[in-house]
Amino acid sequence: MKKLEIAKKVVATVAGLGAGSIATQVIKNNSAPTSKLQVVTMTVGMVALSGLVGVAASRYTEHEFDGAVESVKKLMADIKKEETLEA
């Protein structure tokens, strides 16, 4: 695996875990279940929602990372082309 791919996976994983953790804390801090049924349903919902948020954040981050890499590659190619024309 290339260094850039490793960096992309690390950044996406951290973003996904962070977003999932934030979603979990928001739910925990803004809900007060009053029955065992509510505790169970809210816990299952919280796990599902935090997982969904984590996956979405990870995918978004990977997409943005790819866009940034392409922009840098294009910029480097333009600089190289300009240097060739000046020589």
PDB file of N, CA and C in Angstrom:
ATOM      1  N   MET A   1       0.853  -1.182   0.000  1.00  0.00           N
ATOM      2  CA  MET A   1       0.000   0.000   0.000  1.00  0.00           C
ATOM      3  C   MET A   1       0.897   1.242   0.000  1.00  0.00           C
ATOM      4  N   LYS A   2       0.562   2.194  -0.831  1.00  0.00           N
ATOM      5  CA  LYS A   2       1.343   3.419  -0.920  1.00  0.00           C
ATOM      6  C   LYS A   2       1.133   4.285   0.321  1.00  0.00           C
ATOM      7  N   LYS A   3       2.119   5.141   0.572  1.00  0.00           N
ATOM      8  CA  LYS A   3       2.056   6.021   1.745  1.00  0.00           C
ATOM      9  C   LYS A   3       0.815   6.902   1.711  1.00  0.00           C
ATOM     10  N   LEU A   4       0.455   7.382   0.526  1.00  0.00           N
ATOM     11  CA  LEU A   4      -0.711   8.246   0.400  1.00  0.00           C
ATOM     12  C   LEU A   4      -1.998   7.492   0.747  1.00  0.00           C
ATOM     13  N   GLU A   5      -2.086   6.242   0.321  1.00  0.00           N
ATOM     14  CA  GLU A   5      -3.256   5.424   0.648  1.00  0.00           C
ATOM     15  C   GLU A   5      -3.337   5.170   2.152  1.00  0.00           C
ATOM     16  N   ILE A   6      -2.201   4.924   2.768  1.00  0.00           N
ATOM     17  CA  ILE A   6      -2.175   4.706   4.222  1.00  0.00           C
ATOM     18  C   ILE A   6      -2.630   5.974   4.940  1.00  0.00           C
ATOM     19  N   ALA A   7      -2.112   7.112   4.511  1.00  0.00           N
ATOM     20  CA  ALA A   7      -2.508   8.385   5.126  1.00  0.00           C
ATOM     21  C   ALA A   7      -3.999   8.619   4.969  1.00  0.00           C
ATOM     22  N   LYS A   8      -4.526   8.330   3.776  1.00  0.00           N
ATOM     23  CA  LYS A   8      -5.953   8.524   3.518  1.00  0.00           C
ATOM     24  C   LYS A   8      -6.793   7.644   4.442  1.00  0.00           C
ATOM     25  N   LYS A   9      -6.398   6.392   4.603  1.00  0.00           N
ATOM     26  CA  LYS A   9      -7.145   5.475   5.471  1.00  0.00           C
ATOM     27  C   LYS A   9      -7.075   5.905   6.935  1.00  0.00           C
ATOM     28  N   VAL A  10      -5.914   6.361   7.363  1.00  0.00           N
ATOM     29  CA  VAL A  10      -5.763   6.817   8.750  1.00  0.00           C
ATOM     30  C   VAL A  10      -6.662   8.025   9.009  1.00  0.00           C
ATOM     31  N   VAL A  11      -6.605   9.006   8.111  1.00  0.00           N
ATOM     32  CA  VAL A  11      -7.420  10.215   8.280  1.00  0.00           C
ATOM     33  C   VAL A  11      -8.905   9.864   8.252  1.00  0.00           C
ATOM     34  N   ALA A  12      -9.316   9.024   7.315  1.00  0.00           N
ATOM     35  CA  ALA A  12     -10.729   8.642   7.218  1.00  0.00           C
ATOM     36  C   ALA A  12     -11.182   7.866   8.448  1.00  0.00           C
ATOM     37  N   THR A  13     -10.335   6.994   8.955  1.00  0.00           N
ATOM     38  CA  THR A  13     -10.685   6.218  10.144  1.00  0.00           C
ATOM     39  C   THR A  13     -10.836   7.120  11.363  1.00  0.00           C
ATOM     40  N   VAL A  14      -9.906   8.040  11.538  1.00  0.00           N
ATOM     41  CA  VAL A  14      -9.982   8.970  12.675  1.00  0.00           C
ATOM     42  C   VAL A  14     -11.237   9.835  12.556  1.00  0.00           C
ATOM     43  N   ALA A  15     -11.524  10.324  11.362  1.00  0.00           N
ATOM     44  CA  ALA A  15     -12.735  11.136  11.163  1.00  0.00           C
ATOM     45  C   ALA A  15     -13.992  10.329  11.461  1.00  0.00           C
ATOM     46  N   GLY A  16     -14.026   9.103  10.997  1.00  0.00           N
ATOM     47  CA  GLY A  16     -15.185   8.248  11.250  1.00  0.00           C
ATOM     48  C   GLY A  16     -15.377   7.946  12.721  1.00  0.00           C
ATOM     49  N   LEU A  17     -14.296   7.607  13.390  1.00  0.00           N
ATOM     50  CA  LEU A  17     -14.387   7.324  14.827  1.00  0.00           C
ATOM     51  C   LEU A  17     -14.789   8.573  15.614  1.00  0.00           C
ATOM     52  N   GLY A  18     -14.227   9.694  15.239  1.00  0.00           N
ATOM     53  CA  GLY A  18     -14.567  10.945  15.922  1.00  0.00           C
ATOM     54  C   GLY A  18     -16.024  11.320  15.745  1.00  0.00           C
ATOM     55  N   ALA A  19     -16.509  11.230  14.513  1.00  0.00           N
ATOM     56  CA  ALA A  19     -17.909  11.570  14.239  1.00  0.00           C
ATOM     57  C   ALA A  19     -18.856  10.609  14.952  1.00  0.00           C
ATOM     58  N   GLY A  20     -18.516   9.330  14.949  1.00  0.00           N
ATOM     59  CA  GLY A  20     -19.343   8.352  15.654  1.00  0.00           C
ATOM     60  C   GLY A  20     -19.371   8.610  17.150  1.00  0.00           C
ATOM     61  N   SER A  21     -18.233   8.973  17.694  1.00  0.00           N
ATOM     62  CA  SER A  21     -18.141   9.279  19.120  1.00  0.00           C
ATOM     63  C   SER A  21     -18.969  10.518  19.470  1.00  0.00           C
ATOM     64  N   ILE A  22     -18.897  11.528  18.632  1.00  0.00           N
ATOM     65  CA  ILE A  22     -19.680  12.746  18.868  1.00  0.00           C
ATOM     66  C   ILE A  22     -21.173  12.430  18.827  1.00  0.00           C
ATOM     67  N   ALA A  23     -21.593  11.636  17.844  1.00  0.00           N
ATOM     68  CA  ALA A  23     -23.014  11.267  17.745  1.00  0.00           C
ATOM     69  C   ALA A  23     -23.460  10.519  18.998  1.00  0.00           C
ATOM     70  N   THR A  24     -22.635   9.616  19.475  1.00  0.00           N
ATOM     71  CA  THR A  24     -22.957   8.860  20.682  1.00  0.00           C
ATOM     72  C   THR A  24     -23.118   9.793  21.881  1.00  0.00           C
ATOM     73  N   GLN A  25     -22.199  10.726  22.051  1.00  0.00           N
ATOM     74  CA  GLN A  25     -22.259  11.645  23.190  1.00  0.00           C
ATOM     75  C   GLN A  25     -23.475  12.571  23.113  1.00  0.00           C
ATOM     76  N   VAL A  26     -23.806  13.014  21.913  1.00  0.00           N
ATOM     77  CA  VAL A  26     -24.995  13.874  21.751  1.00  0.00           C
ATOM     78  C   VAL A  26     -26.241  13.129  22.201  1.00  0.00           C
ATOM     79  N   ILE A  27     -26.360  11.879  21.774  1.00  0.00           N
ATOM     80  CA  ILE A  27     -27.535  11.095  22.157  1.00  0.00           C
ATOM     81  C   ILE A  27     -27.550  10.841  23.660  1.00  0.00           C
ATOM     82  N   LYS A  28     -26.404  10.439  24.215  1.00  0.00           N
ATOM     83  CA  LYS A  28     -26.339  10.164  25.662  1.00  0.00           C
ATOM     84  C   LYS A  28     -26.677  11.397  26.492  1.00  0.00           C
ATOM     85  N   ASN A  29     -26.189  12.550  26.062  1.00  0.00           N
ATOM     86  CA  ASN A  29     -26.374  13.773  26.846  1.00  0.00           C
ATOM     87  C   ASN A  29     -27.730  14.433  26.648  1.00  0.00           C
ATOM     88  N   ASN A  30     -28.495  13.977  25.666  1.00  0.00           N
ATOM     89  CA  ASN A  30     -29.777  14.621  25.381  1.00  0.00           C
ATOM     90  C   ASN A  30     -30.956  13.669  25.457  1.00  0.00           C
ATOM     91  N   SER A  31     -30.790  12.583  26.158  1.00  0.00           N
ATOM     92  CA  SER A  31     -31.903  11.645  26.310  1.00  0.00           C
ATOM     93  C   SER A  31     -31.931  11.123  27.746  1.00  0.00           C
ATOM     94  N   ALA A  32     -33.128  10.849  28.183  1.00  0.00           N
ATOM     95  CA  ALA A  32     -33.309  10.329  29.548  1.00  0.00           C
ATOM     96  C   ALA A  32     -34.358   9.223  29.498  1.00  0.00           C
ATOM     97  N   PRO A  33     -33.915   8.015  29.164  1.00  0.00           N
ATOM     98  CA  PRO A  33     -34.892   6.919  29.097  1.00  0.00           C
ATOM     99  C   PRO A  33     -35.519   6.660  30.463  1.00  0.00           C
ATOM    100  N   THR A  34     -36.801   6.351  30.447  1.00  0.00           N
ATOM    101  CA  THR A  34     -37.522   6.143  31.701  1.00  0.00           C
ATOM    102  C   THR A  34     -37.950   4.695  31.905  1.00  0.00           C
ATOM    103  N   SER A  35     -37.684   3.854  30.918  1.00  0.00           N
ATOM    104  CA  SER A  35     -38.037   2.435  31.072  1.00  0.00           C
ATOM    105  C   SER A  35     -36.929   1.577  30.462  1.00  0.00           C
ATOM    106  N   LYS A  36     -36.965   0.284  30.795  1.00  0.00           N
ATOM    107  CA  LYS A  36     -35.967  -0.634  30.238  1.00  0.00           C
ATOM    108  C   LYS A  36     -36.101  -0.722  28.724  1.00  0.00           C
ATOM    109  N   LEU A  37     -37.330  -0.676  28.238  1.00  0.00           N
ATOM    110  CA  LEU A  37     -37.554  -0.724  26.796  1.00  0.00           C
ATOM    111  C   LEU A  37     -36.900   0.482  26.121  1.00  0.00           C
ATOM    112  N   GLN A  38     -37.067   1.664  26.699  1.00  0.00           N
ATOM    113  CA  GLN A  38     -36.430   2.859  26.134  1.00  0.00           C
ATOM    114  C   GLN A  38     -34.911   2.762  26.196  1.00  0.00           C
ATOM    115  N   VAL A  39     -34.378   2.211  27.260  1.00  0.00           N
ATOM    116  CA  VAL A  39     -32.924   2.042  27.373  1.00  0.00           C
ATOM    117  C   VAL A  39     -32.426   1.146  26.242  1.00  0.00           C
ATOM    118  N   VAL A  40     -33.113   0.036  26.018  1.00  0.00           N
ATOM    119  CA  VAL A  40     -32.702  -0.905  24.970  1.00  0.00           C
ATOM    120  C   VAL A  40     -32.833  -0.269  23.587  1.00  0.00           C
ATOM    121  N   THR A  41     -33.980   0.325  23.296  1.00  0.00           N
ATOM    122  CA  THR A  41     -34.188   0.885  21.957  1.00  0.00           C
ATOM    123  C   THR A  41     -33.264   2.067  21.686  1.00  0.00           C
ATOM    124  N   MET A  42     -33.047   2.887  22.691  1.00  0.00           N
ATOM    125  CA  MET A  42     -32.153   4.030  22.497  1.00  0.00           C
ATOM    126  C   MET A  42     -30.708   3.582  22.340  1.00  0.00           C
ATOM    127  N   THR A  43     -30.317   2.545  23.059  1.00  0.00           N
ATOM    128  CA  THR A  43     -28.943   2.029  22.923  1.00  0.00           C
ATOM    129  C   THR A  43     -28.731   1.450  21.533  1.00  0.00           C
ATOM    130  N   VAL A  44     -29.683   0.665  21.060  1.00  0.00           N
ATOM    131  CA  VAL A  44     -29.566   0.088  19.715  1.00  0.00           C
ATOM    132  C   VAL A  44     -29.569   1.201  18.667  1.00  0.00           C
ATOM    133  N   GLY A  45     -30.459   2.155  18.819  1.00  0.00           N
ATOM    134  CA  GLY A  45     -30.500   3.281  17.886  1.00  0.00           C
ATOM    135  C   GLY A  45     -29.225   4.103  17.915  1.00  0.00           C
ATOM    136  N   MET A  46     -28.693   4.292  19.099  1.00  0.00           N
ATOM    137  CA  MET A  46     -27.459   5.068  19.248  1.00  0.00           C
ATOM    138  C   MET A  46     -26.300   4.364  18.538  1.00  0.00           C
ATOM    139  N   VAL A  47     -26.201   3.065  18.696  1.00  0.00           N
ATOM    140  CA  VAL A  47     -25.136   2.308  18.040  1.00  0.00           C
ATOM    141  C   VAL A  47     -25.300   2.387  16.522  1.00  0.00           C
ATOM    142  N   ALA A  48     -26.530   2.209  16.051  1.00  0.00           N
ATOM    143  CA  ALA A  48     -26.782   2.267  14.612  1.00  0.00           C
ATOM    144  C   ALA A  48     -26.484   3.659  14.052  1.00  0.00           C
ATOM    145  N   LEU A  49     -26.954   4.676  14.738  1.00  0.00           N
ATOM    146  CA  LEU A  49     -26.743   6.045  14.268  1.00  0.00           C
ATOM    147  C   LEU A  49     -25.277   6.447  14.316  1.00  0.00           C
ATOM    148  N   SER A  50     -24.584   6.090  15.377  1.00  0.00           N
ATOM    149  CA  SER A  50     -23.168   6.457  15.452  1.00  0.00           C
ATOM    150  C   SER A  50     -22.365   5.713  14.391  1.00  0.00           C
ATOM    151  N   GLY A  51     -22.735   4.482  14.093  1.00  0.00           N
ATOM    152  CA  GLY A  51     -22.076   3.744  13.018  1.00  0.00           C
ATOM    153  C   GLY A  51     -22.323   4.380  11.664  1.00  0.00           C
ATOM    154  N   LEU A  52     -23.555   4.784  11.428  1.00  0.00           N
ATOM    155  CA  LEU A  52     -23.910   5.437  10.170  1.00  0.00           C
ATOM    156  C   LEU A  52     -23.169   6.758  10.004  1.00  0.00           C
ATOM    157  N   VAL A  53     -23.146   7.544  11.043  1.00  0.00           N
ATOM    158  CA  VAL A  53     -22.437   8.826  11.008  1.00  0.00           C
ATOM    159  C   VAL A  53     -20.939   8.601  10.786  1.00  0.00           C
ATOM    160  N   GLY A  54     -20.389   7.601  11.448  1.00  0.00           N
ATOM    161  CA  GLY A  54     -18.972   7.294  11.287  1.00  0.00           C
ATOM    162  C   GLY A  54     -18.621   6.890   9.864  1.00  0.00           C
ATOM    163  N   VAL A  55     -19.433   6.037   9.269  1.00  0.00           N
ATOM    164  CA  VAL A  55     -19.196   5.606   7.887  1.00  0.00           C
ATOM    165  C   VAL A  55     -19.321   6.788   6.931  1.00  0.00           C
ATOM    166  N   ALA A  56     -20.341   7.604   7.119  1.00  0.00           N
ATOM    167  CA  ALA A  56     -20.537   8.770   6.250  1.00  0.00           C
ATOM    168  C   ALA A  56     -19.357   9.735   6.359  1.00  0.00           C
ATOM    169  N   ALA A  57     -18.898   9.988   7.563  1.00  0.00           N
ATOM    170  CA  ALA A  57     -17.757  10.891   7.754  1.00  0.00           C
ATOM    171  C   ALA A  57     -16.496  10.315   7.122  1.00  0.00           C
ATOM    172  N   SER A  58     -16.314   9.017   7.244  1.00  0.00           N
ATOM    173  CA  SER A  58     -15.149   8.357   6.658  1.00  0.00           C
ATOM    174  C   SER A  58     -15.173   8.461   5.138  1.00  0.00           C
ATOM    175  N   ARG A  59     -16.309   8.190   4.538  1.00  0.00           N
ATOM    176  CA  ARG A  59     -16.433   8.283   3.071  1.00  0.00           C
ATOM    177  C   ARG A  59     -16.225   9.715   2.589  1.00  0.00           C
ATOM    178  N   TYR A  60     -16.824  10.646   3.286  1.00  0.00           N
ATOM    179  CA  TYR A  60     -16.669  12.058   2.915  1.00  0.00           C
ATOM    180  C   TYR A  60     -15.201  12.470   2.983  1.00  0.00           C
ATOM    181  N   THR A  61     -14.535  12.060   4.060  1.00  0.00           N
ATOM    182  CA  THR A  61     -13.129  12.408   4.244  1.00  0.00           C
ATOM    183  C   THR A  61     -12.270  11.803   3.137  1.00  0.00           C
ATOM    184  N   GLU A  62     -12.522  10.547   2.784  1.00  0.00           N
ATOM    185  CA  GLU A  62     -11.770   9.918   1.698  1.00  0.00           C
ATOM    186  C   GLU A  62     -11.981  10.675   0.386  1.00  0.00           C
ATOM    187  N   HIS A  63     -13.210  11.065   0.124  1.00  0.00           N
ATOM    188  CA  HIS A  63     -13.525  11.812  -1.100  1.00  0.00           C
ATOM    189  C   HIS A  63     -12.780  13.146  -1.132  1.00  0.00           C
ATOM    190  N   GLU A  64     -12.821  13.865  -0.038  1.00  0.00           N
ATOM    191  CA  GLU A  64     -12.135  15.156   0.039  1.00  0.00           C
ATOM    192  C   GLU A  64     -10.619  14.988  -0.041  1.00  0.00           C
ATOM    193  N   PHE A  65     -10.109  13.937   0.559  1.00  0.00           N
ATOM    194  CA  PHE A  65      -8.676  13.646   0.513  1.00  0.00           C
ATOM    195  C   PHE A  65      -8.252  13.415  -0.938  1.00  0.00           C
ATOM    196  N   ASP A  66      -9.045  12.615  -1.661  1.00  0.00           N
ATOM    197  CA  ASP A  66      -8.741  12.357  -3.076  1.00  0.00           C
ATOM    198  C   ASP A  66      -8.756  13.651  -3.877  1.00  0.00           C
ATOM    199  N   GLY A  67      -9.721  14.509  -3.601  1.00  0.00           N
ATOM    200  CA  GLY A  67      -9.791  15.793  -4.296  1.00  0.00           C
ATOM    201  C   GLY A  67      -8.576  16.665  -4.020  1.00  0.00           C
ATOM    202  N   ALA A  68      -8.143  16.674  -2.784  1.00  0.00           N
ATOM    203  CA  ALA A  68      -6.964  17.468  -2.421  1.00  0.00           C
ATOM    204  C   ALA A  68      -5.713  16.919  -3.109  1.00  0.00           C
ATOM    205  N   VAL A  69      -5.581  15.611  -3.143  1.00  0.00           N
ATOM    206  CA  VAL A  69      -4.425  14.991  -3.799  1.00  0.00           C
ATOM    207  C   VAL A  69      -4.416  15.342  -5.287  1.00  0.00           C
ATOM    208  N   GLU A  70      -5.558  15.258  -5.932  1.00  0.00           N
ATOM    209  CA  GLU A  70      -5.641  15.591  -7.357  1.00  0.00           C
ATOM    210  C   GLU A  70      -5.290  17.055  -7.603  1.00  0.00           C
ATOM    211  N   SER A  71      -5.736  17.938  -6.731  1.00  0.00           N
ATOM    212  CA  SER A  71      -5.415  19.365  -6.866  1.00  0.00           C
ATOM    213  C   SER A  71      -3.913  19.603  -6.742  1.00  0.00           C
ATOM    214  N   VAL A  72      -3.283  18.935  -5.794  1.00  0.00           N
ATOM    215  CA  VAL A  72      -1.839  19.087  -5.610  1.00  0.00           C
ATOM    216  C   VAL A  72      -1.092  18.522  -6.816  1.00  0.00           C
ATOM    217  N   LYS A  73      -1.529  17.367  -7.315  1.00  0.00           N
ATOM    218  CA  LYS A  73      -0.895  16.773  -8.499  1.00  0.00           C
ATOM    219  C   LYS A  73      -1.005  17.708  -9.704  1.00  0.00           C
ATOM    220  N   LYS A  74      -2.177  18.304  -9.885  1.00  0.00           N
ATOM    221  CA  LYS A  74      -2.384  19.227 -11.005  1.00  0.00           C
ATOM    222  C   LYS A  74      -1.485  20.450 -10.842  1.00  0.00           C
ATOM    223  N   LEU A  75      -1.422  20.989  -9.648  1.00  0.00           N
ATOM    224  CA  LEU A  75      -0.571  22.145  -9.385  1.00  0.00           C
ATOM    225  C   LEU A  75       0.888  21.821  -9.663  1.00  0.00           C
ATOM    226  N   MET A  76       1.347  20.667  -9.209  1.00  0.00           N
ATOM    227  CA  MET A  76       2.736  20.260  -9.441  1.00  0.00           C
ATOM    228  C   MET A  76       3.017  20.084 -10.933  1.00  0.00           C
ATOM    229  N   ALA A  77       2.062  19.522 -11.671  1.00  0.00           N
ATOM    230  CA  ALA A  77       2.228  19.354 -13.116  1.00  0.00           C
ATOM    231  C   ALA A  77       2.289  20.708 -13.806  1.00  0.00           C
ATOM    232  N   ASP A  78       1.436  21.641 -13.363  1.00  0.00           N
ATOM    233  CA  ASP A  78       1.445  22.992 -13.949  1.00  0.00           C
ATOM    234  C   ASP A  78       2.770  23.697 -13.680  1.00  0.00           C
ATOM    235  N   ILE A  79       3.297  23.546 -12.476  1.00  0.00           N
ATOM    236  CA  ILE A  79       4.586  24.165 -12.126  1.00  0.00           C
ATOM    237  C   ILE A  79       5.700  23.566 -12.983  1.00  0.00           C
ATOM    238  N   LYS A  80       5.683  22.255 -13.122  1.00  0.00           N
ATOM    239  CA  LYS A  80       6.701  21.580 -13.913  1.00  0.00           C
ATOM    240  C   LYS A  80       6.618  22.020 -15.382  1.00  0.00           C
ATOM    241  N   LYS A  81       5.401  22.136 -15.885  1.00  0.00           N
ATOM    242  CA  LYS A  81       5.182  22.569 -17.268  1.00  0.00           C
ATOM    243  C   LYS A  81       5.685  23.985 -17.460  1.00  0.00           C
ATOM    244  N   GLU A  82       5.404  24.849 -16.498  1.00  0.00           N
ATOM    245  CA  GLU A  82       5.843  26.245 -16.564  1.00  0.00           C
ATOM    246  C   GLU A  82       7.375  26.331 -16.531  1.00  0.00           C
ATOM    247  N   GLU A  83       8.000  25.523 -15.673  1.00  0.00           N
ATOM    248  CA  GLU A  83       9.463  25.516 -15.583  1.00  0.00           C
ATOM    249  C   GLU A  83      10.077  25.040 -16.898  1.00  0.00           C
ATOM    250  N   THR A  84       9.411  24.070 -17.545  1.00  0.00           N
ATOM    251  CA  THR A  84       9.917  23.551 -18.824  1.00  0.00           C
ATOM    252  C   THR A  84       9.826  24.636 -19.902  1.00  0.00           C
ATOM    253  N   LEU A  85       8.768  25.393 -19.893  1.00  0.00           N
ATOM    254  CA  LEU A  85       8.594  26.458 -20.889  1.00  0.00           C
ATOM    255  C   LEU A  85       9.603  27.579 -20.693  1.00  0.00           C
ATOM    256  N   GLU A  86       9.969  27.842 -19.438  1.00  0.00           N
ATOM    257  CA  GLU A  86      10.938  28.910 -19.139  1.00  0.00           C
ATOM    258  C   GLU A  86      12.366  28.511 -19.484  1.00  0.00           C
ATOM    259  N   ALA A  87      12.636  27.227 -19.518  1.00  0.00           N
ATOM    260  CA  ALA A  87      14.015  26.761 -19.768  1.00  0.00           C
ATOM    261  C   ALA A  87      14.435  26.854 -21.211  1.00  0.00           C
TER     262      ALA A  87
END
